[in-house]
Protein backbone atom coordinates (compact mmCIF):
# COMPACT_ATOMS: atom_id res chain seq x y z
CA UNK A 1 -192.00 -47.50 -215.21
CA UNK A 2 -190.90 -47.39 -211.52
CA UNK A 3 -188.95 -44.13 -212.10
CA UNK A 4 -192.25 -42.26 -212.78
CA UNK A 5 -193.57 -42.79 -209.19
CA UNK A 6 -192.79 -39.81 -206.80
CA UNK A 7 -191.28 -40.65 -203.45
CA UNK A 8 -193.50 -40.15 -200.40
CA UNK A 9 -192.71 -36.95 -198.31
CA UNK A 10 -190.71 -38.59 -195.51
CA UNK A 11 -187.65 -36.83 -193.76
CA UNK A 12 -185.57 -40.00 -194.09
CA UNK A 13 -186.05 -42.50 -196.77
CA UNK A 14 -184.09 -45.70 -197.41
CA UNK A 15 -183.09 -46.32 -201.03
CA UNK A 16 -185.68 -48.47 -202.73
CA UNK A 17 -184.63 -52.03 -203.45
CA UNK A 18 -184.88 -53.24 -207.02
CA UNK A 19 -187.92 -55.50 -207.71
CA UNK A 20 -187.17 -59.24 -207.21
CA UNK A 21 -186.84 -60.75 -210.73
CA UNK A 22 -187.81 -64.10 -209.46
CA UNK A 23 -191.31 -62.94 -208.55
CA UNK A 24 -190.90 -63.96 -204.90
CA UNK A 25 -194.17 -64.00 -203.14
CA UNK A 26 -192.71 -62.58 -199.96
CA UNK A 27 -194.83 -59.67 -198.82
CA UNK A 28 -193.10 -56.32 -198.99
CA UNK A 29 -193.49 -53.42 -196.61
CA UNK A 30 -194.55 -55.43 -193.56
CA UNK A 31 -192.54 -55.10 -190.36
CA UNK A 32 -193.48 -58.66 -189.24
CA UNK A 33 -192.45 -60.07 -192.58
CA UNK A 34 -189.14 -58.26 -192.49
CA UNK A 35 -188.51 -59.32 -188.92
CA UNK A 36 -189.32 -63.02 -189.85
CA UNK A 37 -186.99 -62.85 -192.78
CA UNK A 38 -184.18 -61.56 -190.57
CA UNK A 39 -184.80 -64.25 -187.93
CA UNK A 40 -184.69 -66.89 -190.67
CA UNK A 41 -181.32 -65.74 -191.79
CA UNK A 42 -180.02 -65.57 -188.28
CA UNK A 43 -181.21 -69.02 -187.26
CA UNK A 44 -179.67 -70.63 -190.40
CA UNK A 45 -176.47 -68.81 -189.80
CA UNK A 46 -176.19 -70.14 -186.21
CA UNK A 47 -177.08 -73.60 -187.46
CA UNK A 48 -174.26 -73.33 -190.04
CA UNK A 49 -171.88 -72.29 -187.30
CA UNK A 50 -172.65 -75.52 -185.37
CA UNK A 51 -175.17 -74.39 -182.80
CA UNK A 52 -177.97 -76.62 -181.74
CA UNK A 53 -181.60 -75.65 -181.81
CA UNK A 54 -181.81 -75.59 -178.03
CA UNK A 55 -178.80 -73.25 -177.97
CA UNK A 56 -180.31 -71.03 -180.53
CA UNK A 57 -183.51 -70.89 -178.53
CA UNK A 58 -181.63 -69.45 -175.57
CA UNK A 59 -179.53 -67.04 -177.54
CA UNK A 60 -182.42 -65.49 -179.39
CA UNK A 61 -185.13 -65.75 -176.71
CA UNK A 62 -187.47 -67.60 -178.91
CA UNK A 63 -189.66 -70.64 -178.19
CA UNK A 64 -188.43 -74.00 -179.41
CA UNK A 65 -191.37 -74.28 -181.81
CA UNK A 66 -190.43 -70.83 -183.53
CA UNK A 67 -186.85 -72.05 -183.88
CA UNK A 68 -188.01 -75.24 -185.31
CA UNK A 69 -190.19 -73.49 -187.85
CA UNK A 70 -187.39 -71.13 -188.98
CA UNK A 71 -184.85 -74.04 -189.10
CA UNK A 72 -187.14 -76.38 -191.14
CA UNK A 73 -188.01 -73.65 -193.69
CA UNK A 74 -185.55 -73.76 -196.51
CA UNK A 75 -186.36 -70.25 -197.63
CA UNK A 76 -188.49 -67.41 -196.11
CA UNK A 77 -191.04 -67.96 -198.85
CA UNK A 78 -191.81 -71.30 -197.18
CA UNK A 79 -192.93 -69.35 -194.07
CA UNK A 80 -195.00 -66.99 -196.25
CA UNK A 81 -197.13 -69.78 -197.58
CA UNK A 82 -198.28 -70.78 -194.10
CA UNK A 83 -198.17 -67.39 -192.22
CA UNK A 84 -199.09 -64.87 -194.70
CA UNK A 85 -201.32 -66.32 -197.42
CA UNK A 86 -204.90 -65.27 -196.90
CA UNK A 87 -203.98 -62.90 -194.07
CA UNK A 88 -206.47 -59.94 -193.94
CA UNK A 89 -205.00 -56.55 -194.83
CA UNK A 90 -206.18 -53.02 -194.60
CA UNK A 91 -205.81 -52.88 -198.33
CA UNK A 92 -208.24 -55.77 -199.03
CA UNK A 93 -211.44 -53.66 -199.60
CA UNK A 94 -209.67 -51.27 -201.86
CA UNK A 95 -208.15 -53.96 -204.09
CA UNK A 96 -211.08 -54.08 -206.59
CA UNK A 97 -210.78 -50.33 -207.13
CA UNK A 98 -207.01 -50.60 -207.56
CA UNK A 99 -207.58 -53.46 -209.94
CA UNK A 100 -209.88 -51.37 -212.01
CA UNK A 101 -207.51 -48.44 -212.06
CA UNK A 102 -204.67 -50.77 -213.07
CA UNK A 103 -206.74 -52.12 -215.98
CA UNK A 104 -207.56 -48.52 -217.03
CA UNK A 105 -203.92 -47.83 -217.39
CA UNK A 106 -203.08 -46.18 -214.08
CA UNK A 107 -199.84 -47.96 -212.97
CA UNK A 108 -198.57 -45.26 -210.75
CA UNK A 109 -198.79 -46.41 -207.16
CA UNK A 110 -198.42 -42.87 -205.70
CA UNK A 111 -201.35 -41.58 -207.78
CA UNK A 112 -203.51 -44.65 -206.88
CA UNK A 113 -202.59 -44.09 -203.16
CA UNK A 114 -203.72 -40.41 -203.45
CA UNK A 115 -206.96 -41.52 -204.90
CA UNK A 116 -207.93 -43.98 -202.19
CA UNK A 117 -206.88 -41.93 -199.08
CA UNK A 118 -209.88 -39.54 -199.39
CA UNK A 119 -212.08 -42.63 -199.67
CA UNK A 120 -211.03 -43.81 -196.25
CA UNK A 121 -207.85 -45.81 -196.80
CA UNK A 122 -205.78 -45.67 -193.45
CA UNK A 123 -202.87 -47.78 -194.61
CA UNK A 124 -199.42 -46.72 -195.87
CA UNK A 125 -198.21 -45.90 -199.35
CA UNK A 126 -195.82 -48.81 -199.14
CA UNK A 127 -198.66 -51.29 -199.21
CA UNK A 128 -200.07 -49.88 -202.43
CA UNK A 129 -196.59 -49.83 -203.89
CA UNK A 130 -195.99 -53.47 -202.93
CA UNK A 131 -199.38 -54.45 -204.41
CA UNK A 132 -198.56 -52.65 -207.70
CA UNK A 133 -195.12 -54.34 -207.75
CA UNK A 134 -196.80 -57.80 -207.55
CA UNK A 135 -198.89 -56.83 -210.54
CA UNK A 136 -195.85 -55.92 -212.57
CA UNK A 137 -194.01 -59.15 -211.71
CA UNK A 138 -197.11 -61.21 -212.54
CA UNK A 139 -197.14 -62.86 -215.94
CA UNK A 140 -200.97 -62.82 -216.06
CA UNK A 141 -202.97 -59.61 -215.88
CA UNK A 142 -204.92 -59.16 -212.61
CA UNK A 143 -208.50 -58.29 -213.18
CA UNK A 144 -211.25 -57.85 -210.50
CA UNK A 145 -214.24 -60.17 -210.85
CA UNK A 146 -217.44 -58.11 -211.88
CA UNK A 147 -220.06 -57.92 -209.23
CA UNK A 148 -223.43 -59.56 -209.84
CA UNK A 149 -226.28 -57.49 -211.26
CA UNK A 150 -228.40 -58.02 -208.10
CA UNK A 151 -225.46 -56.61 -206.05
CA UNK A 152 -225.16 -53.54 -208.22
CA UNK A 153 -228.81 -52.93 -208.03
CA UNK A 154 -228.62 -53.11 -204.34
CA UNK A 155 -225.78 -50.54 -204.15
CA UNK A 156 -227.82 -48.15 -206.42
CA UNK A 157 -231.10 -48.47 -204.40
CA UNK A 158 -229.44 -47.94 -200.98
CA UNK A 159 -228.66 -44.60 -199.64
CA UNK A 160 -225.01 -43.67 -200.27
CA UNK A 161 -224.48 -43.02 -196.60
CA UNK A 162 -225.35 -46.73 -195.83
CA UNK A 163 -222.73 -48.06 -198.18
CA UNK A 164 -219.37 -49.14 -196.89
CA UNK A 165 -216.15 -47.58 -198.28
CA UNK A 166 -215.52 -50.77 -200.27
CA UNK A 167 -218.99 -50.78 -201.76
CA UNK A 168 -218.72 -47.21 -202.78
CA UNK A 169 -215.36 -47.87 -204.43
CA UNK A 170 -216.77 -50.88 -206.36
CA UNK A 171 -219.87 -49.02 -207.38
CA UNK A 172 -217.81 -46.02 -208.66
CA UNK A 173 -215.67 -48.47 -210.72
CA UNK A 174 -218.80 -50.04 -212.23
CA UNK A 175 -220.37 -46.69 -213.11
CA UNK A 176 -217.04 -45.46 -214.73
CA UNK A 177 -217.45 -48.37 -217.24
CA UNK A 178 -221.16 -47.77 -218.06
CA UNK A 179 -222.45 -44.24 -218.68
CA UNK A 180 -226.02 -45.48 -219.04
CA UNK A 181 -225.82 -47.04 -215.49
CA UNK A 182 -224.37 -43.88 -214.16
CA UNK A 183 -227.28 -41.89 -215.60
CA UNK A 184 -229.72 -44.42 -214.14
CA UNK A 185 -228.17 -44.20 -210.70
CA UNK A 186 -228.57 -40.34 -210.80
CA UNK A 187 -232.32 -40.61 -211.62
CA UNK A 188 -232.95 -43.29 -209.00
CA UNK A 189 -231.27 -41.33 -206.22
CA UNK A 190 -232.98 -38.13 -207.32
CA UNK A 191 -236.36 -39.79 -207.19
CA UNK A 192 -235.62 -41.31 -203.77
CA UNK A 193 -234.78 -37.81 -202.46
CA UNK A 194 -238.12 -36.44 -203.95
CA UNK A 195 -239.95 -39.35 -202.22
CA UNK A 196 -238.31 -39.17 -198.80
CA UNK A 197 -238.19 -35.33 -198.47
CA UNK A 198 -241.66 -34.73 -199.90
CA UNK A 199 -240.47 -32.60 -202.85
CA UNK A 200 -243.34 -33.35 -205.20
CA UNK A 201 -242.90 -30.00 -206.99
CA UNK A 202 -239.66 -31.39 -208.46
CA UNK A 203 -241.45 -34.31 -210.16
CA UNK A 204 -242.06 -32.60 -213.51
CA UNK A 205 -238.32 -31.68 -213.69
CA UNK A 206 -237.42 -35.25 -212.89
CA UNK A 207 -239.73 -36.65 -215.60
CA UNK A 208 -238.18 -34.26 -218.17
CA UNK A 209 -234.71 -35.32 -217.17
CA UNK A 210 -235.63 -39.02 -217.60
CA UNK A 211 -237.04 -38.58 -221.05
CA UNK A 212 -233.89 -36.95 -222.21
CA UNK A 213 -231.75 -40.09 -221.51
CA UNK A 214 -231.88 -43.25 -223.51
CA UNK A 215 -233.27 -45.50 -220.77
CA UNK A 216 -236.23 -47.50 -222.09
CA UNK A 217 -236.81 -49.29 -218.75
CA UNK A 218 -237.01 -45.97 -216.84
CA UNK A 219 -239.20 -44.46 -219.57
CA UNK A 220 -241.98 -47.05 -218.86
CA UNK A 221 -242.04 -46.06 -215.27
CA UNK A 222 -241.93 -42.40 -216.06
CA UNK A 223 -244.93 -42.80 -218.54
CA UNK A 224 -247.03 -44.51 -215.87
CA UNK A 225 -246.28 -41.66 -213.42
CA UNK A 226 -246.94 -38.99 -216.01
CA UNK A 227 -250.41 -40.41 -216.71
CA UNK A 228 -251.51 -39.60 -213.10
CA UNK A 229 -249.14 -36.74 -212.50
CA UNK A 230 -251.41 -34.64 -210.32
CA UNK A 231 -252.15 -37.40 -207.95
CA UNK A 232 -248.52 -38.41 -207.71
CA UNK A 233 -247.45 -34.93 -206.99
CA UNK A 234 -250.08 -34.66 -204.24
CA UNK A 235 -248.92 -37.87 -202.70
CA UNK A 236 -245.30 -36.74 -202.85
CA UNK A 237 -246.18 -33.36 -201.32
CA UNK A 238 -249.15 -33.60 -198.84
CA UNK A 239 -248.81 -35.14 -195.43
CA UNK A 240 -252.11 -37.18 -195.78
CA UNK A 241 -252.33 -40.68 -196.95
CA UNK A 242 -254.57 -43.73 -196.88
CA UNK A 243 -252.38 -45.74 -194.71
CA UNK A 244 -254.92 -45.79 -191.78
CA UNK A 245 -257.64 -47.07 -194.07
CA UNK A 246 -255.33 -49.78 -195.50
CA UNK A 247 -254.46 -50.76 -192.06
CA UNK A 248 -258.09 -51.37 -191.02
CA UNK A 249 -258.77 -53.33 -194.21
CA UNK A 250 -255.81 -55.63 -193.41
CA UNK A 251 -257.01 -56.03 -189.80
CA UNK A 252 -260.60 -57.01 -191.06
CA UNK A 253 -259.08 -59.53 -193.49
CA UNK A 254 -257.01 -61.08 -190.74
CA UNK A 255 -260.17 -61.46 -188.47
CA UNK A 256 -262.08 -63.02 -191.34
CA UNK A 257 -259.46 -65.59 -191.96
CA UNK A 258 -259.28 -66.45 -188.25
CA UNK A 259 -262.96 -67.40 -188.10
CA UNK A 260 -263.41 -68.66 -191.57
CA UNK A 261 -265.37 -71.98 -191.65
CA UNK A 262 -266.06 -71.76 -187.83
CA UNK A 263 -268.31 -68.65 -187.42
CA UNK A 264 -270.46 -66.35 -189.49
CA UNK A 265 -270.83 -62.73 -190.21
CA UNK A 266 -272.48 -61.80 -186.93
CA UNK A 267 -269.35 -62.74 -184.96
CA UNK A 268 -267.14 -60.93 -187.53
CA UNK A 269 -269.21 -57.77 -187.21
CA UNK A 270 -268.98 -57.85 -183.39
CA UNK A 271 -265.16 -58.47 -183.52
CA UNK A 272 -264.76 -55.54 -185.84
CA UNK A 273 -266.99 -53.02 -184.02
CA UNK A 274 -266.13 -54.07 -180.48
CA UNK A 275 -262.39 -54.43 -180.90
CA UNK A 276 -260.46 -51.73 -179.12
């Protein structure tokens, strides 16, 4: 119910207008939308009083095209369809998170606004309230389309610092619906930290944590790592690696392919030995 939503801490607050029972699509809480609605009413009032469109143009200081658009529109909603539909909003990237919270039973706009502000939302509370009002007036429930599995895998494998605010919100919503996926994400990010920060001493602890969760796919990887645990720990700890040797092997293969069918081993030997 609307009465359960606390008012924002503002020194002066206008009384809240009741929700439009007709389900009007006119956007609420936008200064430009309110101004357009007021201009529409003014233009039609002047037309009803007998003023011409040219006269209204001079009185209101508008262009003739603007006066024509306002005069030709029977209702402000007609202007909404052309001017506002599909217009980008600061709330767009947070809509999937709000949709998920709505589906979870959180219908309090103030609480939802408090949740997305720490996540980077810079807009006003009125936008969130208006978005929730459209949900209440909608006959059909609004649900966010689920992301593709490949997209979720990309979010999990990337470092959290490289995810946008919207991607973090959507990943958080996905993990909230799947405890197994949340556990998998924790293990993947923990292993990534071991790999990038050379913390091989943490590998036994990571393997034990993996075996405690019911994640068969990850168990297969852990079993392969455990079979050669000492070598893996050395590779995750010591600064030495076989990268230089592999680089020379790839270079020799490239030279061999370049002269294949046109020269023999003698030229290959010289190119390898005499190359800088």
